[in-house]
Amino acid sequence: KVLLSVATSARRTLISASATAHVHSTSTHPRFDLVRSCDTREWDATAVMLLQVETVERDTKEVRVVGYALLSLFVDLTTGGPVTSGIAFSSSISLRSGAYQLPLHTRLPTSGPLNAATLLQLPRVPTATLLVRVLPGQGSSSSSVQSCALPTPPE
């Protein structure tokens, strides 16, 4: 199962969704069709997509977390990096659209801002990644942030 949430760097949840793996996918390469369209006009530009991957242990049948991945959803075009402060949307802020292979980490940061830099300091799950695509929503131009689709993983 994959749990998706979009939150601000201050950990305020904006949206959430989940999906279970396709029946015909393998345990070593599960496939999910998780698509979420969002209206981002009221969002904080520090918004991040947080993904939690879960599995069921074979022997105990208990749900266990495999790992966590995180992606900053917006980029500051003046610096080329993620937006680090809660600034208002402007022409210098753009949706970070594209395809990403995100490493899974063993846990989430317990304090401080929720962003990729704090997650990178934590241990990774060996050889585990998640493929994610972020696409502009229908009717959005590349210069304005109106909505986004958050599917995972690619076909």
Protein backbone atom coordinates (compact mmCIF):
# COMPACT_ATOMS: atom_id res chain seq x y z
CA LYS A 1 0.00 0.00 0.00
CA VAL A 2 1.13 3.57 -0.70
CA LEU A 3 -0.05 6.48 1.40
CA LEU A 4 0.33 9.90 -0.17
CA SER A 5 0.05 13.19 1.63
CA VAL A 6 0.94 16.71 0.68
CA ALA A 7 2.02 18.88 3.57
CA THR A 8 3.72 22.18 4.20
CA SER A 9 7.24 22.22 5.59
CA ALA A 10 5.57 23.07 8.92
CA ARG A 11 3.80 19.66 8.68
CA ARG A 12 0.27 20.96 8.01
CA THR A 13 -1.50 18.37 5.81
CA LEU A 14 -3.07 19.75 2.64
CA ILE A 15 -4.33 16.53 1.00
CA SER A 16 -4.04 12.77 1.48
CA ALA A 17 -4.81 9.64 -0.53
CA SER A 18 -3.86 5.95 -0.63
CA ALA A 19 -3.78 3.01 -3.01
CA THR A 20 -3.11 -0.71 -2.79
CA ALA A 21 -0.91 -2.57 -5.24
CA HIS A 22 -2.38 -4.14 -8.36
CA VAL A 23 -3.30 -7.79 -7.85
CA HIS A 24 -1.19 -8.83 -10.85
CA SER A 25 1.96 -6.96 -9.78
CA THR A 26 4.78 -8.71 -7.95
CA SER A 27 5.89 -8.12 -4.39
CA THR A 28 9.32 -6.99 -5.60
CA HIS A 29 7.85 -4.58 -8.17
CA PRO A 30 4.39 -3.50 -6.98
CA ARG A 31 2.36 -1.21 -9.23
CA PHE A 32 -0.04 1.43 -7.98
CA ASP A 33 -2.48 3.67 -9.81
CA LEU A 34 -2.64 6.60 -7.45
CA VAL A 35 -3.67 9.77 -9.23
CA ARG A 36 -4.69 12.85 -7.32
CA SER A 37 -5.61 16.16 -8.94
CA CYS A 38 -5.19 19.20 -6.73
CA ASP A 39 -6.02 22.88 -6.80
CA THR A 40 -2.80 24.48 -5.54
CA ARG A 41 -3.89 28.15 -5.53
CA GLU A 42 -4.27 28.20 -1.74
CA TRP A 43 -1.18 26.10 -0.98
CA ASP A 44 2.01 27.17 0.72
CA ALA A 45 4.90 27.10 -1.78
CA THR A 46 6.88 24.90 0.65
CA ALA A 47 4.47 22.01 -0.04
CA VAL A 48 6.07 18.57 -0.19
CA MET A 49 4.70 15.24 -1.35
CA LEU A 50 5.25 12.60 1.32
CA LEU A 51 4.88 8.94 0.36
CA GLN A 52 4.77 6.05 2.82
CA VAL A 53 5.09 2.49 1.50
CA GLU A 54 3.58 -0.31 3.58
CA THR A 55 3.51 -4.09 3.30
CA VAL A 56 2.04 -7.06 5.14
CA GLU A 57 4.59 -9.31 6.83
CA ARG A 58 4.27 -12.84 5.49
CA ASP A 59 4.52 -14.71 8.82
CA THR A 60 2.80 -12.39 11.28
CA LYS A 61 0.33 -10.79 8.82
CA GLU A 62 1.07 -7.42 10.45
CA VAL A 63 1.23 -4.19 8.46
CA ARG A 64 4.77 -2.77 8.45
CA VAL A 65 6.22 0.40 6.97
CA VAL A 66 8.80 -0.27 4.25
CA GLY A 67 9.96 3.34 4.00
CA TYR A 68 9.27 6.99 3.29
CA ALA A 69 9.97 9.24 0.32
CA LEU A 70 9.60 12.98 -0.04
CA LEU A 71 9.57 15.42 -2.95
CA SER A 72 9.35 19.22 -2.85
CA LEU A 73 6.49 20.10 -5.21
CA PHE A 74 7.57 23.62 -6.14
CA VAL A 75 10.84 25.11 -7.31
CA ASP A 76 12.14 28.65 -6.92
CA LEU A 77 13.22 29.59 -10.44
CA THR A 78 15.62 32.26 -9.18
CA THR A 79 17.69 29.72 -7.18
CA GLY A 80 16.83 26.51 -9.03
CA GLY A 81 16.14 24.81 -5.70
CA PRO A 82 13.08 23.97 -3.64
CA VAL A 83 11.12 26.76 -1.96
CA THR A 84 12.36 26.95 1.63
CA SER A 85 10.14 29.65 3.11
CA GLY A 86 6.40 30.17 3.01
CA ILE A 87 6.48 32.84 0.32
CA ALA A 88 3.46 33.62 -1.84
CA PHE A 89 3.26 32.21 -5.34
CA SER A 90 4.77 34.44 -7.99
CA SER A 91 6.26 34.14 -11.44
CA SER A 92 9.47 32.86 -9.81
CA ILE A 93 7.69 29.78 -8.33
CA SER A 94 6.85 26.82 -10.56
CA LEU A 95 5.46 23.33 -10.17
CA ARG A 96 8.30 20.82 -10.10
CA SER A 97 6.83 18.68 -12.85
CA GLY A 98 8.61 15.61 -14.16
CA ALA A 99 9.42 11.99 -13.37
CA TYR A 100 11.41 11.15 -10.25
CA GLN A 101 13.00 8.06 -8.73
CA LEU A 102 12.82 8.70 -4.99
CA PRO A 103 14.88 6.69 -2.49
CA LEU A 104 12.99 5.24 0.47
CA HIS A 105 14.21 6.17 3.94
CA THR A 106 13.75 4.17 7.13
CA ARG A 107 11.98 6.93 9.05
CA LEU A 108 10.81 10.53 8.94
CA PRO A 109 12.51 13.46 10.61
CA THR A 110 10.97 13.92 14.05
CA SER A 111 11.72 17.63 14.36
CA GLY A 112 12.43 20.60 12.17
CA PRO A 113 10.96 21.40 8.79
CA LEU A 114 9.64 18.62 6.59
CA ASN A 115 11.79 18.84 3.47
CA ALA A 116 14.15 16.78 1.35
CA ALA A 117 17.26 18.10 3.11
CA THR A 118 16.15 16.80 6.52
CA LEU A 119 15.10 13.44 5.06
CA LEU A 120 18.45 12.97 3.29
CA GLN A 121 20.19 12.92 6.67
CA LEU A 122 18.31 9.74 7.65
CA PRO A 123 19.21 6.14 6.72
CA ARG A 124 17.95 4.77 3.42
CA VAL A 125 16.22 1.46 2.79
CA PRO A 126 18.82 -0.40 0.67
CA THR A 127 17.92 -0.66 -3.04
CA ALA A 128 14.35 0.59 -2.48
CA THR A 129 13.00 3.46 -4.57
CA LEU A 130 9.62 4.74 -5.68
CA LEU A 131 8.89 6.08 -9.16
CA VAL A 132 6.71 9.19 -9.19
CA ARG A 133 5.41 11.58 -11.84
CA VAL A 134 4.20 15.11 -11.14
CA LEU A 135 2.22 16.66 -13.97
CA PRO A 136 0.57 20.05 -14.45
CA GLY A 137 -3.21 19.82 -14.21
CA GLN A 138 -5.64 20.29 -17.06
CA GLY A 139 -5.73 23.91 -18.20
CA SER A 140 -2.56 24.96 -16.37
CA SER A 141 0.06 26.88 -18.25
CA SER A 142 3.71 26.25 -17.48
CA SER A 143 4.07 29.72 -16.04
CA SER A 144 1.22 29.56 -13.55
CA VAL A 145 0.62 27.11 -10.74
CA GLN A 146 -3.05 26.16 -10.84
CA SER A 147 -3.28 22.45 -10.18
CA CYS A 148 -1.21 19.31 -10.30
CA ALA A 149 -1.74 15.60 -10.78
CA LEU A 150 0.24 13.32 -8.45
CA PRO A 151 0.40 9.85 -9.98
CA THR A 152 2.74 7.09 -8.86
CA PRO A 153 4.45 5.08 -10.30
CA PRO A 154 4.77 5.49 -14.08
CA GLU A 155 3.24 2.96 -16.43
